[in-house]
Amino acid sequence: MQITSILAIYILFWVISAFIMLPIGIKTHDEIGETKIKGQADSAPANFRPKIVIVRATILASLLFALFYANYTFGWITTETIAWEP
């Protein structure tokens, strides 16, 4: 596998992981008990921390990519092992 393919696949895993990690640990102003600014959406996060999302997404993407690459290298699951017949 070429390095450009590895990088592209890792970036895809990272973006998916970031979207998975975004809502984890987020609380609204009502849940925390803070006052809202006039015109603020009820669902607006009060404690959004992008650095933590980035770290969590990087860890999850690294684990998922490691599993993907190990499967690519060792061939644990291939198209032959998946039953395509109904």
C-alpha atoms as a PDB file:
ATOM      1  CA  MET A   1       0.000   0.000   0.000  1.00  0.00           C
ATOM      2  CA  GLN A   2       1.352   3.410  -0.946  1.00  0.00           C
ATOM      3  CA  ILE A   3       1.893   6.141   1.638  1.00  0.00           C
ATOM      4  CA  THR A   4      -0.671   8.369  -0.073  1.00  0.00           C
ATOM      5  CA  SER A   5      -3.282   5.630   0.239  1.00  0.00           C
ATOM      6  CA  ILE A   6      -2.401   5.133   3.890  1.00  0.00           C
ATOM      7  CA  LEU A   7      -2.723   8.861   4.553  1.00  0.00           C
ATOM      8  CA  ALA A   8      -6.040   9.165   2.705  1.00  0.00           C
ATOM      9  CA  ILE A   9      -7.574   6.194   4.525  1.00  0.00           C
ATOM     10  CA  TYR A  10      -6.323   7.465   7.892  1.00  0.00           C
ATOM     11  CA  ILE A  11      -7.866  10.888   7.220  1.00  0.00           C
ATOM     12  CA  LEU A  12     -11.186   9.221   6.417  1.00  0.00           C
ATOM     13  CA  PHE A  13     -11.015   7.282   9.683  1.00  0.00           C
ATOM     14  CA  TRP A  14     -10.132  10.490  11.537  1.00  0.00           C
ATOM     15  CA  VAL A  15     -13.057  12.479  10.142  1.00  0.00           C
ATOM     16  CA  ILE A  16     -15.507   9.689  10.952  1.00  0.00           C
ATOM     17  CA  SER A  17     -14.013   9.406  14.445  1.00  0.00           C
ATOM     18  CA  ALA A  18     -14.301  13.164  14.991  1.00  0.00           C
ATOM     19  CA  PHE A  19     -17.998  13.101  14.137  1.00  0.00           C
ATOM     20  CA  ILE A  20     -18.476  10.151  16.497  1.00  0.00           C
ATOM     21  CA  MET A  21     -16.651  11.964  19.326  1.00  0.00           C
ATOM     22  CA  LEU A  22     -18.332  15.371  18.933  1.00  0.00           C
ATOM     23  CA  PRO A  23     -21.414  14.763  21.108  1.00  0.00           C
ATOM     24  CA  ILE A  24     -19.635  12.809  23.853  1.00  0.00           C
ATOM     25  CA  GLY A  25     -19.458  14.780  27.095  1.00  0.00           C
ATOM     26  CA  ILE A  26     -21.275  17.839  25.761  1.00  0.00           C
ATOM     27  CA  LYS A  27     -23.872  19.486  27.993  1.00  0.00           C
ATOM     28  CA  THR A  28     -26.285  22.315  27.278  1.00  0.00           C
ATOM     29  CA  HIS A  29     -26.663  25.437  29.390  1.00  0.00           C
ATOM     30  CA  ASP A  30     -29.871  24.030  30.898  1.00  0.00           C
ATOM     31  CA  GLU A  31     -28.078  20.837  31.991  1.00  0.00           C
ATOM     32  CA  ILE A  32     -25.267  22.786  33.647  1.00  0.00           C
ATOM     33  CA  GLY A  33     -27.554  25.447  35.079  1.00  0.00           C
ATOM     34  CA  GLU A  34     -26.008  28.446  33.330  1.00  0.00           C
ATOM     35  CA  THR A  35     -28.043  31.312  31.936  1.00  0.00           C
ATOM     36  CA  LYS A  36     -28.469  31.514  28.186  1.00  0.00           C
ATOM     37  CA  ILE A  37     -27.812  34.538  26.023  1.00  0.00           C
ATOM     38  CA  LYS A  38     -30.867  36.013  24.319  1.00  0.00           C
ATOM     39  CA  GLY A  39     -31.403  34.304  20.975  1.00  0.00           C
ATOM     40  CA  GLN A  40     -29.233  31.318  21.835  1.00  0.00           C
ATOM     41  CA  ALA A  41     -30.390  27.904  20.681  1.00  0.00           C
ATOM     42  CA  ASP A  42     -31.572  25.528  23.395  1.00  0.00           C
ATOM     43  CA  SER A  43     -29.201  22.858  22.098  1.00  0.00           C
ATOM     44  CA  ALA A  44     -26.067  25.052  22.051  1.00  0.00           C
ATOM     45  CA  PRO A  45     -23.194  23.429  23.963  1.00  0.00           C
ATOM     46  CA  ALA A  46     -21.951  25.125  27.109  1.00  0.00           C
ATOM     47  CA  ASN A  47     -18.730  23.170  27.578  1.00  0.00           C
ATOM     48  CA  PHE A  48     -17.379  22.468  24.071  1.00  0.00           C
ATOM     49  CA  ARG A  49     -13.648  21.635  24.189  1.00  0.00           C
ATOM     50  CA  PRO A  50     -12.236  21.049  20.691  1.00  0.00           C
ATOM     51  CA  LYS A  51      -8.805  19.908  21.919  1.00  0.00           C
ATOM     52  CA  ILE A  52     -10.351  16.955  23.740  1.00  0.00           C
ATOM     53  CA  VAL A  53     -12.390  16.063  20.651  1.00  0.00           C
ATOM     54  CA  ILE A  54      -9.220  16.136  18.547  1.00  0.00           C
ATOM     55  CA  VAL A  55      -7.312  13.907  20.990  1.00  0.00           C
ATOM     56  CA  ARG A  56     -10.164  11.412  21.297  1.00  0.00           C
ATOM     57  CA  ALA A  57     -10.688  11.340  17.518  1.00  0.00           C
ATOM     58  CA  THR A  58      -6.970  10.760  16.940  1.00  0.00           C
ATOM     59  CA  ILE A  59      -6.883   7.855  19.393  1.00  0.00           C
ATOM     60  CA  LEU A  60     -10.014   6.238  17.934  1.00  0.00           C
ATOM     61  CA  ALA A  61      -8.841   6.761  14.341  1.00  0.00           C
ATOM     62  CA  SER A  62      -5.446   5.262  15.144  1.00  0.00           C
ATOM     63  CA  LEU A  63      -7.031   2.162  16.656  1.00  0.00           C
ATOM     64  CA  LEU A  64      -9.456   1.733  13.779  1.00  0.00           C
ATOM     65  CA  PHE A  65      -6.743   2.277  11.185  1.00  0.00           C
ATOM     66  CA  ALA A  66      -4.475  -0.224  12.949  1.00  0.00           C
ATOM     67  CA  LEU A  67      -7.241  -2.825  12.736  1.00  0.00           C
ATOM     68  CA  PHE A  68      -7.856  -1.948   9.079  1.00  0.00           C
ATOM     69  CA  TYR A  69      -4.165  -2.197   8.190  1.00  0.00           C
ATOM     70  CA  ALA A  70      -3.728  -5.456  10.108  1.00  0.00           C
ATOM     71  CA  ASN A  71      -6.683  -6.911   8.223  1.00  0.00           C
ATOM     72  CA  TYR A  72      -5.197  -5.647   4.944  1.00  0.00           C
ATOM     73  CA  THR A  73      -1.828  -7.227   5.785  1.00  0.00           C
ATOM     74  CA  PHE A  74      -2.962 -10.544   7.238  1.00  0.00           C
ATOM     75  CA  GLY A  75      -6.201 -11.010   5.284  1.00  0.00           C
ATOM     76  CA  TRP A  76      -8.458 -11.928   8.204  1.00  0.00           C
ATOM     77  CA  ILE A  77     -11.651 -10.838   6.407  1.00  0.00           C
ATOM     78  CA  THR A  78     -11.669 -10.940   2.616  1.00  0.00           C
ATOM     79  CA  THR A  79     -14.349 -10.910  -0.046  1.00  0.00           C
ATOM     80  CA  GLU A  80     -14.153 -14.694  -0.147  1.00  0.00           C
ATOM     81  CA  THR A  81     -15.016 -15.022   3.556  1.00  0.00           C
ATOM     82  CA  ILE A  82     -18.188 -12.925   3.263  1.00  0.00           C
ATOM     83  CA  ALA A  83     -21.286 -14.890   2.208  1.00  0.00           C
ATOM     84  CA  TRP A  84     -22.851 -12.936  -0.658  1.00  0.00           C
ATOM     85  CA  GLU A  85     -25.671 -15.384  -1.300  1.00  0.00           C
ATOM     86  CA  PRO A  86     -29.113 -14.677   0.233  1.00  0.00           C
END
